[in-house]
């Protein structure tokens, strides 16, 4: 009977050791008074320095105040409109169909054989949907919020040759285009 009790006690003590914290185990072996003298610093992994200091019962050290000066970065336009493209847009805006417009709206639409294609529309009033406005060569360009990610860094140009005259977009984010150049993917 005594051997059964000692076996049960050893199993219980092993389970207690598995779930007990290291401090509890040390206090049982060397006593609480010696534990305070011998206790190693606790791990601060996962805690901020302020939380670690509070955990170790040390006063919190304040960091020196940072300077209030901030560097201001010059805002960069999301797209580049060439002078030829701006001249053509000015011609279109002065036309009869664009009477009363204040600029153009650049967007993208899902279509074509490769995903997205560019859209240009007249802006008769400033869009209320948080479009990104910019002015280049005296024209207002509003970029639709859903298109901004796809067109950042794009150069918009206007090219004419013997067969066509069209706006072209040189997009550094484009991963591929369809054969006809109608659509692109990012």
N, C-alpha and C. Protein backbone atom coordinates (compact mmCIF):
# COMPACT_ATOMS: atom_id res chain seq x y z
N UNK A 1 0.82 -1.19 0.00
CA UNK A 1 0.00 0.00 0.00
C UNK A 1 0.87 1.26 0.00
N UNK A 2 1.95 1.24 0.76
CA UNK A 2 2.84 2.40 0.80
C UNK A 2 3.50 2.62 -0.55
N UNK A 3 3.83 1.56 -1.24
CA UNK A 3 4.46 1.73 -2.55
C UNK A 3 3.48 2.34 -3.55
N UNK A 4 2.20 1.99 -3.45
CA UNK A 4 1.19 2.57 -4.33
C UNK A 4 1.04 4.06 -4.05
N UNK A 5 1.04 4.44 -2.79
CA UNK A 5 0.92 5.85 -2.43
C UNK A 5 2.15 6.62 -2.91
N UNK A 6 3.33 6.05 -2.77
CA UNK A 6 4.54 6.75 -3.23
C UNK A 6 4.56 6.87 -4.75
N UNK A 7 4.05 5.84 -5.48
CA UNK A 7 3.97 5.92 -6.94
C UNK A 7 3.01 7.03 -7.37
N UNK A 8 1.84 7.09 -6.71
CA UNK A 8 0.86 8.13 -7.02
C UNK A 8 1.44 9.50 -6.69
N UNK A 9 2.13 9.62 -5.59
CA UNK A 9 2.74 10.90 -5.20
C UNK A 9 3.80 11.32 -6.20
N UNK A 10 4.58 10.35 -6.71
CA UNK A 10 5.62 10.73 -7.69
C UNK A 10 4.99 11.14 -9.01
N UNK A 11 3.89 10.48 -9.42
CA UNK A 11 3.19 10.87 -10.66
C UNK A 11 2.60 12.26 -10.50
N UNK A 12 1.98 12.53 -9.36
CA UNK A 12 1.39 13.84 -9.10
C UNK A 12 2.48 14.90 -9.07
N UNK A 13 3.60 14.61 -8.43
CA UNK A 13 4.66 15.61 -8.36
C UNK A 13 5.29 15.83 -9.74
N UNK A 14 5.38 14.79 -10.60
CA UNK A 14 5.90 14.98 -11.95
C UNK A 14 4.97 15.88 -12.76
N UNK A 15 3.65 15.65 -12.64
CA UNK A 15 2.69 16.51 -13.35
C UNK A 15 2.76 17.94 -12.84
N UNK A 16 2.91 18.08 -11.54
CA UNK A 16 3.02 19.42 -10.97
C UNK A 16 4.28 20.11 -11.46
N UNK A 17 5.35 19.34 -11.61
CA UNK A 17 6.59 19.93 -12.12
C UNK A 17 6.45 20.34 -13.58
N UNK A 18 5.68 19.56 -14.35
CA UNK A 18 5.51 19.88 -15.77
C UNK A 18 4.70 21.16 -15.96
N UNK A 19 3.74 21.40 -15.10
CA UNK A 19 2.88 22.57 -15.26
C UNK A 19 3.32 23.75 -14.40
N UNK A 20 4.20 23.51 -13.45
CA UNK A 20 4.62 24.60 -12.54
C UNK A 20 5.61 25.51 -13.23
N UNK A 21 5.63 26.74 -12.79
CA UNK A 21 6.59 27.71 -13.33
C UNK A 21 7.96 27.43 -12.73
N UNK A 22 9.03 27.87 -13.40
CA UNK A 22 10.38 27.66 -12.86
C UNK A 22 10.56 28.27 -11.47
N UNK A 23 9.92 29.39 -11.21
CA UNK A 23 10.05 30.03 -9.89
C UNK A 23 9.45 29.16 -8.80
N UNK A 24 8.31 28.49 -9.10
CA UNK A 24 7.67 27.62 -8.12
C UNK A 24 8.56 26.42 -7.82
N UNK A 25 9.14 25.84 -8.86
CA UNK A 25 10.01 24.69 -8.67
C UNK A 25 11.22 25.08 -7.83
N UNK A 26 11.84 26.22 -8.15
CA UNK A 26 13.00 26.67 -7.38
C UNK A 26 12.65 26.94 -5.93
N UNK A 27 11.46 27.53 -5.69
CA UNK A 27 11.09 27.84 -4.31
C UNK A 27 10.88 26.58 -3.49
N UNK A 28 10.42 25.51 -4.13
CA UNK A 28 10.24 24.25 -3.41
C UNK A 28 11.58 23.62 -3.07
N UNK A 29 12.56 23.77 -3.96
CA UNK A 29 13.85 23.12 -3.75
C UNK A 29 14.76 23.92 -2.81
N UNK A 30 14.82 25.24 -2.96
CA UNK A 30 15.80 26.00 -2.17
C UNK A 30 15.16 26.96 -1.17
N UNK A 31 13.87 27.06 -1.16
CA UNK A 31 13.22 27.92 -0.20
C UNK A 31 13.01 29.32 -0.75
N UNK A 32 11.94 30.00 -0.33
CA UNK A 32 11.62 31.31 -0.90
C UNK A 32 12.64 32.39 -0.58
N UNK A 33 13.32 32.33 0.56
CA UNK A 33 14.29 33.37 0.91
C UNK A 33 15.52 33.31 -0.01
N UNK A 34 16.03 32.10 -0.23
CA UNK A 34 17.19 31.96 -1.12
C UNK A 34 16.81 32.24 -2.57
N UNK A 35 15.56 31.96 -2.91
CA UNK A 35 15.09 32.20 -4.27
C UNK A 35 15.20 33.67 -4.63
N UNK A 36 14.84 34.55 -3.71
CA UNK A 36 14.92 35.98 -3.98
C UNK A 36 16.36 36.41 -4.23
N UNK A 37 17.30 35.78 -3.55
CA UNK A 37 18.70 36.14 -3.74
C UNK A 37 19.26 35.57 -5.04
N UNK A 38 18.81 34.35 -5.43
CA UNK A 38 19.38 33.66 -6.57
C UNK A 38 18.59 33.83 -7.87
N UNK A 39 17.44 34.43 -7.82
CA UNK A 39 16.57 34.46 -8.99
C UNK A 39 17.24 35.17 -10.16
N UNK A 40 17.27 34.48 -11.28
CA UNK A 40 17.86 35.04 -12.49
C UNK A 40 16.88 36.02 -13.10
N UNK A 41 17.37 36.96 -13.89
CA UNK A 41 16.45 37.91 -14.53
C UNK A 41 15.46 37.16 -15.41
N UNK A 42 14.22 37.60 -15.39
CA UNK A 42 13.19 36.95 -16.20
C UNK A 42 13.37 37.33 -17.65
N UNK A 43 12.87 36.49 -18.50
CA UNK A 43 12.97 36.74 -19.94
C UNK A 43 12.09 37.92 -20.31
N UNK A 44 12.59 38.77 -21.18
CA UNK A 44 11.80 39.92 -21.64
C UNK A 44 11.35 39.72 -23.07
N UNK A 45 11.46 38.51 -23.54
CA UNK A 45 11.07 38.25 -24.92
C UNK A 45 9.58 38.50 -25.10
N UNK A 46 9.23 39.28 -26.09
CA UNK A 46 7.84 39.57 -26.38
C UNK A 46 7.30 40.77 -25.62
N UNK A 47 8.07 41.35 -24.73
CA UNK A 47 7.62 42.52 -23.99
C UNK A 47 8.39 43.74 -24.46
N UNK A 48 7.75 44.87 -24.38
CA UNK A 48 8.48 46.11 -24.67
C UNK A 48 9.45 46.37 -23.52
N UNK A 49 10.39 47.25 -23.74
CA UNK A 49 11.37 47.54 -22.69
C UNK A 49 10.69 48.13 -21.47
N UNK A 50 9.65 48.91 -21.66
CA UNK A 50 8.93 49.49 -20.52
C UNK A 50 8.23 48.40 -19.72
N UNK A 51 7.62 47.42 -20.41
CA UNK A 51 6.93 46.33 -19.73
C UNK A 51 7.94 45.45 -19.01
N UNK A 52 9.10 45.22 -19.60
CA UNK A 52 10.12 44.41 -18.96
C UNK A 52 10.63 45.09 -17.70
N UNK A 53 10.83 46.38 -17.76
CA UNK A 53 11.30 47.12 -16.59
C UNK A 53 10.26 47.07 -15.48
N UNK A 54 8.99 47.19 -15.82
CA UNK A 54 7.94 47.12 -14.81
C UNK A 54 7.87 45.71 -14.25
N UNK A 55 8.11 44.72 -15.10
CA UNK A 55 8.05 43.33 -14.68
C UNK A 55 9.15 43.01 -13.68
N UNK A 56 10.29 43.65 -13.83
CA UNK A 56 11.43 43.39 -12.96
C UNK A 56 11.46 44.34 -11.77
N UNK A 57 10.39 45.06 -11.53
CA UNK A 57 10.27 46.00 -10.42
C UNK A 57 11.35 47.08 -10.45
N UNK A 58 11.73 47.50 -11.63
CA UNK A 58 12.67 48.59 -11.77
C UNK A 58 11.90 49.80 -12.26
N UNK A 59 12.37 50.99 -11.95
CA UNK A 59 11.67 52.18 -12.45
C UNK A 59 11.79 52.26 -13.98
N UNK A 60 10.75 52.76 -14.60
CA UNK A 60 10.73 52.89 -16.05
C UNK A 60 11.58 54.08 -16.44
N UNK A 61 12.52 53.84 -17.35
CA UNK A 61 13.38 54.92 -17.83
C UNK A 61 12.73 55.55 -19.04
N UNK A 62 12.61 56.84 -19.01
CA UNK A 62 11.99 57.54 -20.14
C UNK A 62 13.05 57.82 -21.20
N UNK A 63 12.63 57.70 -22.45
CA UNK A 63 13.52 58.02 -23.56
C UNK A 63 13.59 59.53 -23.70
N UNK A 64 14.71 60.03 -24.18
CA UNK A 64 14.78 61.48 -24.40
C UNK A 64 13.77 61.90 -25.46
N UNK A 65 13.22 63.08 -25.27
CA UNK A 65 12.20 63.58 -26.20
C UNK A 65 12.82 63.78 -27.58
N UNK A 66 12.06 63.36 -28.60
CA UNK A 66 12.54 63.51 -29.97
C UNK A 66 12.32 64.94 -30.44
N UNK A 67 13.10 65.31 -31.38
CA UNK A 67 12.97 66.64 -31.98
C UNK A 67 11.64 66.73 -32.71
N UNK A 68 11.00 67.86 -32.65
CA UNK A 68 9.70 68.04 -33.30
C UNK A 68 9.83 68.37 -34.77
N UNK A 69 11.05 68.55 -35.24
CA UNK A 69 11.24 68.85 -36.66
C UNK A 69 10.96 67.60 -37.47
N UNK A 70 10.28 67.76 -38.57
CA UNK A 70 10.00 66.65 -39.47
C UNK A 70 10.51 67.00 -40.85
N UNK A 71 10.96 65.98 -41.51
CA UNK A 71 11.33 66.19 -42.90
C UNK A 71 10.07 66.13 -43.73
N UNK A 72 9.90 67.09 -44.58
CA UNK A 72 8.76 67.07 -45.47
C UNK A 72 9.23 66.64 -46.84
N UNK A 73 8.58 65.64 -47.36
CA UNK A 73 8.91 65.14 -48.68
C UNK A 73 8.03 65.83 -49.70
N UNK A 74 8.62 66.14 -50.81
CA UNK A 74 7.87 66.77 -51.88
C UNK A 74 6.91 65.74 -52.46
N UNK A 75 5.65 66.11 -52.57
CA UNK A 75 4.66 65.21 -53.14
C UNK A 75 4.96 65.02 -54.62
N UNK A 76 4.90 63.77 -55.03
CA UNK A 76 5.20 63.44 -56.42
C UNK A 76 3.90 63.05 -57.11
N UNK A 77 3.74 63.53 -58.34
CA UNK A 77 2.54 63.18 -59.09
C UNK A 77 2.53 61.69 -59.39
N UNK A 78 1.36 61.05 -59.30
CA UNK A 78 1.29 59.61 -59.54
C UNK A 78 1.59 59.22 -60.99
N UNK A 79 1.28 60.10 -61.95
CA UNK A 79 1.59 59.82 -63.35
C UNK A 79 2.31 61.02 -63.95
N UNK A 80 2.95 60.78 -65.07
CA UNK A 80 3.63 61.84 -65.80
C UNK A 80 2.87 62.07 -67.10
N UNK A 81 2.46 63.29 -67.33
CA UNK A 81 1.76 63.65 -68.57
C UNK A 81 2.75 64.45 -69.42
N UNK A 82 3.02 63.95 -70.62
CA UNK A 82 3.97 64.67 -71.49
C UNK A 82 3.31 65.92 -72.05
N UNK A 83 4.13 66.79 -72.60
CA UNK A 83 3.62 68.04 -73.15
C UNK A 83 2.70 67.78 -74.35
N UNK A 84 3.05 66.79 -75.18
CA UNK A 84 2.18 66.46 -76.33
C UNK A 84 0.81 65.99 -75.87
N UNK A 85 0.79 65.14 -74.82
CA UNK A 85 -0.49 64.66 -74.30
C UNK A 85 -1.29 65.81 -73.70
N UNK A 86 -0.63 66.70 -72.99
CA UNK A 86 -1.31 67.85 -72.39
C UNK A 86 -1.89 68.76 -73.47
N UNK A 87 -1.14 68.99 -74.54
CA UNK A 87 -1.66 69.82 -75.64
C UNK A 87 -2.90 69.20 -76.27
N UNK A 88 -2.88 67.88 -76.47
CA UNK A 88 -4.04 67.20 -77.07
C UNK A 88 -5.24 67.24 -76.12
N UNK A 89 -5.00 67.09 -74.84
CA UNK A 89 -6.10 67.16 -73.86
C UNK A 89 -6.69 68.56 -73.84
N UNK A 90 -5.84 69.58 -73.93
CA UNK A 90 -6.35 70.97 -73.98
C UNK A 90 -7.23 71.17 -75.21
N UNK A 91 -6.82 70.61 -76.35
CA UNK A 91 -7.64 70.70 -77.57
C UNK A 91 -9.00 70.03 -77.35
N UNK A 92 -8.97 68.84 -76.74
CA UNK A 92 -10.22 68.12 -76.50
C UNK A 92 -11.11 68.86 -75.50
N UNK A 93 -10.51 69.45 -74.47
CA UNK A 93 -11.29 70.17 -73.46
C UNK A 93 -11.90 71.46 -74.01
N UNK A 94 -11.28 72.03 -75.04
CA UNK A 94 -11.83 73.25 -75.63
C UNK A 94 -12.89 72.94 -76.69
N UNK A 95 -13.08 71.67 -76.98
CA UNK A 95 -14.07 71.26 -77.99
C UNK A 95 -15.49 71.38 -77.47
N UNK A 96 -16.42 71.21 -78.41
CA UNK A 96 -17.85 71.36 -78.11
C UNK A 96 -18.37 70.29 -77.15
N UNK A 97 -17.90 69.05 -77.31
CA UNK A 97 -18.41 67.97 -76.47
C UNK A 97 -17.92 68.06 -75.02
N UNK A 98 -16.85 68.81 -74.78
CA UNK A 98 -16.29 68.93 -73.44
C UNK A 98 -16.63 70.26 -72.78
N UNK A 99 -17.63 70.96 -73.31
CA UNK A 99 -17.97 72.27 -72.77
C UNK A 99 -18.34 72.16 -71.29
N UNK A 100 -17.68 72.95 -70.46
CA UNK A 100 -17.94 72.96 -69.02
C UNK A 100 -17.09 71.97 -68.24
N UNK A 101 -16.21 71.23 -68.90
CA UNK A 101 -15.39 70.26 -68.17
C UNK A 101 -14.19 70.97 -67.52
N UNK A 102 -13.73 70.41 -66.42
CA UNK A 102 -12.62 71.01 -65.68
C UNK A 102 -11.33 70.19 -65.81
N UNK A 103 -11.39 69.07 -66.47
CA UNK A 103 -10.21 68.21 -66.63
C UNK A 103 -10.62 66.84 -67.13
N UNK A 104 -9.75 65.87 -66.90
CA UNK A 104 -10.06 64.49 -67.31
C UNK A 104 -9.95 63.57 -66.11
N UNK A 105 -10.62 62.43 -66.23
CA UNK A 105 -10.57 61.39 -65.20
C UNK A 105 -9.90 60.18 -65.83
N UNK A 106 -8.82 59.72 -65.22
CA UNK A 106 -8.11 58.54 -65.69
C UNK A 106 -8.49 57.36 -64.80
N UNK A 107 -8.87 56.27 -65.44
CA UNK A 107 -9.24 55.07 -64.70
C UNK A 107 -8.81 53.83 -65.44
N UNK A 108 -9.11 52.68 -64.87
CA UNK A 108 -8.88 51.41 -65.54
C UNK A 108 -10.16 50.60 -65.45
N UNK A 109 -10.35 49.74 -66.44
CA UNK A 109 -11.55 48.92 -66.51
C UNK A 109 -11.14 47.51 -66.90
N UNK A 110 -11.81 46.51 -66.36
CA UNK A 110 -11.53 45.12 -66.73
C UNK A 110 -12.13 44.86 -68.11
N UNK A 111 -11.25 44.64 -69.05
CA UNK A 111 -11.70 44.25 -70.39
C UNK A 111 -10.48 43.92 -71.24
N UNK A 112 -10.74 43.47 -72.43
CA UNK A 112 -9.65 43.08 -73.31
C UNK A 112 -9.20 41.66 -73.01
N UNK A 113 -8.18 41.23 -73.70
CA UNK A 113 -7.74 39.85 -73.54
C UNK A 113 -6.68 39.67 -72.46
N UNK A 114 -6.24 40.74 -71.81
CA UNK A 114 -5.19 40.60 -70.81
C UNK A 114 -5.54 41.25 -69.47
N UNK A 115 -6.77 41.63 -69.23
CA UNK A 115 -7.15 42.10 -67.91
C UNK A 115 -7.68 43.51 -67.81
N UNK A 116 -6.82 44.53 -67.91
CA UNK A 116 -7.22 45.91 -67.67
C UNK A 116 -6.93 46.77 -68.89
N UNK A 117 -7.76 47.80 -69.06
CA UNK A 117 -7.46 48.81 -70.09
C UNK A 117 -7.72 50.19 -69.49
N UNK A 118 -7.08 51.19 -70.04
CA UNK A 118 -7.19 52.56 -69.53
C UNK A 118 -8.48 53.20 -70.02
N UNK A 119 -9.06 54.06 -69.18
CA UNK A 119 -10.24 54.83 -69.59
C UNK A 119 -9.95 56.31 -69.33
N UNK A 120 -10.39 57.15 -70.25
CA UNK A 120 -10.29 58.60 -70.11
C UNK A 120 -11.68 59.18 -70.30
N UNK A 121 -12.12 59.98 -69.35
CA UNK A 121 -13.43 60.63 -69.42
C UNK A 121 -13.28 62.10 -69.03
N UNK A 122 -14.24 62.89 -69.47
CA UNK A 122 -14.25 64.30 -69.08
C UNK A 122 -14.71 64.41 -67.63
N UNK A 123 -14.13 65.35 -66.90
CA UNK A 123 -14.56 65.65 -65.53
C UNK A 123 -15.30 66.98 -65.57
N UNK A 124 -16.61 66.94 -65.35
CA UNK A 124 -17.41 68.17 -65.37
C UNK A 124 -17.48 68.81 -63.99
N UNK A 125 -17.14 68.05 -62.98
CA UNK A 125 -17.02 68.57 -61.61
C UNK A 125 -15.98 67.71 -60.90
N UNK A 126 -15.44 68.25 -59.83
CA UNK A 126 -14.42 67.50 -59.11
C UNK A 126 -15.06 66.25 -58.49
N UNK A 127 -14.50 65.07 -58.76
CA UNK A 127 -15.09 63.83 -58.23
C UNK A 127 -15.11 63.84 -56.71
N UNK A 128 -16.17 63.27 -56.15
CA UNK A 128 -16.34 63.23 -54.69
C UNK A 128 -15.83 61.93 -54.09
N UNK A 129 -15.35 61.02 -54.91
CA UNK A 129 -14.97 59.69 -54.43
C UNK A 129 -13.48 59.57 -54.09
N UNK A 130 -12.90 60.60 -53.55
CA UNK A 130 -11.50 60.61 -53.09
C UNK A 130 -10.52 60.31 -54.22
N UNK A 131 -10.82 60.78 -55.41
CA UNK A 131 -9.88 60.63 -56.51
C UNK A 131 -8.62 61.42 -56.21
N UNK A 132 -7.51 60.99 -56.79
CA UNK A 132 -6.25 61.68 -56.60
C UNK A 132 -6.13 62.77 -57.65
N UNK A 133 -6.20 64.05 -57.26
CA UNK A 133 -6.10 65.12 -58.25
C UNK A 133 -4.64 65.51 -58.49
N UNK A 134 -4.36 65.94 -59.69
CA UNK A 134 -3.04 66.47 -60.01
C UNK A 134 -3.18 67.44 -61.16
N UNK A 135 -2.24 68.34 -61.28
CA UNK A 135 -2.22 69.30 -62.38
C UNK A 135 -0.88 69.18 -63.08
N UNK A 136 -0.95 69.05 -64.40
CA UNK A 136 0.28 68.93 -65.18
C UNK A 136 0.12 69.72 -66.47
N UNK A 137 1.03 70.60 -66.75
CA UNK A 137 1.02 71.43 -67.96
C UNK A 137 -0.31 72.19 -68.11
N UNK A 138 -0.88 72.58 -66.98
CA UNK A 138 -2.10 73.38 -67.01
C UNK A 138 -3.40 72.60 -67.16
N UNK A 139 -3.36 71.27 -67.07
CA UNK A 139 -4.60 70.49 -67.13
C UNK A 139 -4.79 69.74 -65.81
N UNK A 140 -6.05 69.55 -65.44
CA UNK A 140 -6.38 68.80 -64.23
C UNK A 140 -6.62 67.35 -64.61
N UNK A 141 -5.94 66.45 -63.90
CA UNK A 141 -6.13 65.02 -64.10
C UNK A 141 -6.56 64.44 -62.77
N UNK A 142 -7.69 63.73 -62.77
CA UNK A 142 -8.19 63.06 -61.58
C UNK A 142 -8.03 61.56 -61.80
N UNK A 143 -7.37 60.89 -60.87
CA UNK A 143 -7.14 59.45 -61.01
C UNK A 143 -8.09 58.73 -60.07
N UNK A 144 -8.86 57.81 -60.63
CA UNK A 144 -9.82 57.05 -59.83
C UNK A 144 -9.10 56.24 -58.76
N UNK A 145 -9.69 56.11 -57.57
CA UNK A 145 -9.03 55.39 -56.48
C UNK A 145 -8.68 53.94 -56.83
N UNK A 146 -9.55 53.25 -57.54
CA UNK A 146 -9.29 51.86 -57.89
C UNK A 146 -8.20 51.73 -58.94
N UNK A 147 -7.92 52.80 -59.67
CA UNK A 147 -6.91 52.75 -60.72
C UNK A 147 -5.54 53.19 -60.23
N UNK A 148 -5.48 53.83 -59.10
CA UNK A 148 -4.23 54.43 -58.64
C UNK A 148 -3.10 53.40 -58.53
N UNK A 149 -3.38 52.26 -57.94
CA UNK A 149 -2.36 51.22 -57.79
C UNK A 149 -1.83 50.76 -59.14
N UNK A 150 -2.68 50.69 -60.13
CA UNK A 150 -2.29 50.18 -61.45
C UNK A 150 -1.54 51.19 -62.29
N UNK A 151 -1.70 52.48 -62.03
CA UNK A 151 -1.11 53.49 -62.91
C UNK A 151 0.03 54.31 -62.29
N UNK A 152 0.39 54.07 -61.05
CA UNK A 152 1.46 54.85 -60.42
C UNK A 152 2.74 54.69 -61.22
N UNK A 153 3.35 55.83 -61.57
CA UNK A 153 4.60 55.82 -62.32
C UNK A 153 4.43 55.79 -63.83
N UNK A 154 3.20 55.76 -64.30
CA UNK A 154 2.92 55.67 -65.74
C UNK A 154 3.19 57.00 -66.43
N UNK A 155 3.73 56.93 -67.64
CA UNK A 155 3.92 58.11 -68.47
C UNK A 155 2.85 58.10 -69.56
N UNK A 156 2.06 59.16 -69.58
CA UNK A 156 0.99 59.28 -70.58
C UNK A 156 1.49 60.19 -71.71
N UNK A 157 1.41 59.69 -72.93
CA UNK A 157 1.90 60.44 -74.09
C UNK A 157 0.82 60.41 -75.17
N UNK A 158 0.99 61.26 -76.16
CA UNK A 158 0.09 61.27 -77.32
C UNK A 158 0.96 61.11 -78.55
N UNK A 159 0.67 60.08 -79.33
CA UNK A 159 1.48 59.79 -80.51
C UNK A 159 0.60 59.78 -81.76
N UNK A 160 1.16 60.31 -82.82
CA UNK A 160 0.48 60.26 -84.12
C UNK A 160 1.45 59.65 -85.13
N UNK A 161 0.91 58.82 -85.99
CA UNK A 161 1.68 58.29 -87.11
C UNK A 161 0.76 58.23 -88.33
N UNK A 162 1.19 57.58 -89.39
CA UNK A 162 0.40 57.58 -90.63
C UNK A 162 -0.96 56.92 -90.47
N UNK A 163 -1.06 55.96 -89.57
CA UNK A 163 -2.31 55.21 -89.44
C UNK A 163 -3.17 55.62 -88.25
N UNK A 164 -2.55 56.00 -87.16
CA UNK A 164 -3.33 56.29 -85.94
C UNK A 164 -2.82 57.53 -85.23
N UNK A 165 -3.65 58.02 -84.39
CA UNK A 165 -3.24 59.02 -83.39
C UNK A 165 -3.96 58.62 -82.11
N UNK A 166 -3.17 58.42 -81.05
CA UNK A 166 -3.74 57.88 -79.81
C UNK A 166 -2.90 58.26 -78.60
N UNK A 167 -3.55 58.17 -77.43
CA UNK A 167 -2.83 58.32 -76.17
C UNK A 167 -2.13 56.99 -75.90
N UNK A 168 -0.89 57.05 -75.49
CA UNK A 168 -0.16 55.83 -75.13
C UNK A 168 0.25 55.93 -73.66
N UNK A 169 0.34 54.79 -73.03
CA UNK A 169 0.68 54.72 -71.61
C UNK A 169 1.87 53.79 -71.44
N UNK A 170 2.96 54.32 -70.94
CA UNK A 170 4.14 53.52 -70.64
C UNK A 170 4.11 53.24 -69.14
N UNK A 171 3.67 52.04 -68.78
CA UNK A 171 3.44 51.68 -67.38
C UNK A 171 4.55 50.75 -66.88
N UNK A 172 5.37 51.21 -65.93
CA UNK A 172 6.44 50.34 -65.41
C UNK A 172 5.92 49.19 -64.56
N UNK A 173 4.66 49.26 -64.11
CA UNK A 173 4.08 48.20 -63.28
C UNK A 173 3.49 47.07 -64.11
N UNK A 174 3.34 47.28 -65.39
CA UNK A 174 2.69 46.31 -66.26
C UNK A 174 3.55 45.05 -66.39
N UNK A 175 2.93 43.90 -66.13
CA UNK A 175 3.63 42.62 -66.25
C UNK A 175 3.49 42.04 -67.65
N UNK A 176 2.51 42.50 -68.38
CA UNK A 176 2.31 42.00 -69.74
C UNK A 176 1.19 42.74 -70.43
N UNK A 177 1.20 42.66 -71.76
CA UNK A 177 0.16 43.29 -72.57
C UNK A 177 -0.33 42.29 -73.59
N UNK A 178 -1.52 42.52 -74.07
CA UNK A 178 -2.01 41.66 -75.14
C UNK A 178 -1.33 42.08 -76.45
N UNK A 179 -1.45 41.27 -77.46
CA UNK A 179 -0.79 41.53 -78.73
C UNK A 179 -1.21 42.82 -79.39
N UNK A 180 -2.47 43.19 -79.26
CA UNK A 180 -2.97 44.41 -79.91
C UNK A 180 -2.68 45.66 -79.09
N UNK A 181 -2.25 45.50 -77.83
CA UNK A 181 -1.94 46.65 -76.99
C UNK A 181 -3.16 47.27 -76.33
N UNK A 182 -4.32 46.63 -76.46
CA UNK A 182 -5.57 47.15 -75.88
C UNK A 182 -5.59 47.04 -74.36
N UNK A 183 -5.04 45.95 -73.82
CA UNK A 183 -5.14 45.74 -72.37
C UNK A 183 -3.78 45.32 -71.80
N UNK A 184 -3.70 45.39 -70.48
CA UNK A 184 -2.46 45.05 -69.76
C UNK A 184 -2.82 44.40 -68.44
N UNK A 185 -1.83 43.80 -67.79
CA UNK A 185 -2.06 43.30 -66.43
C UNK A 185 -0.93 43.77 -65.52
N UNK A 186 -1.25 43.84 -64.25
CA UNK A 186 -0.30 44.35 -63.26
C UNK A 186 0.05 43.22 -62.31
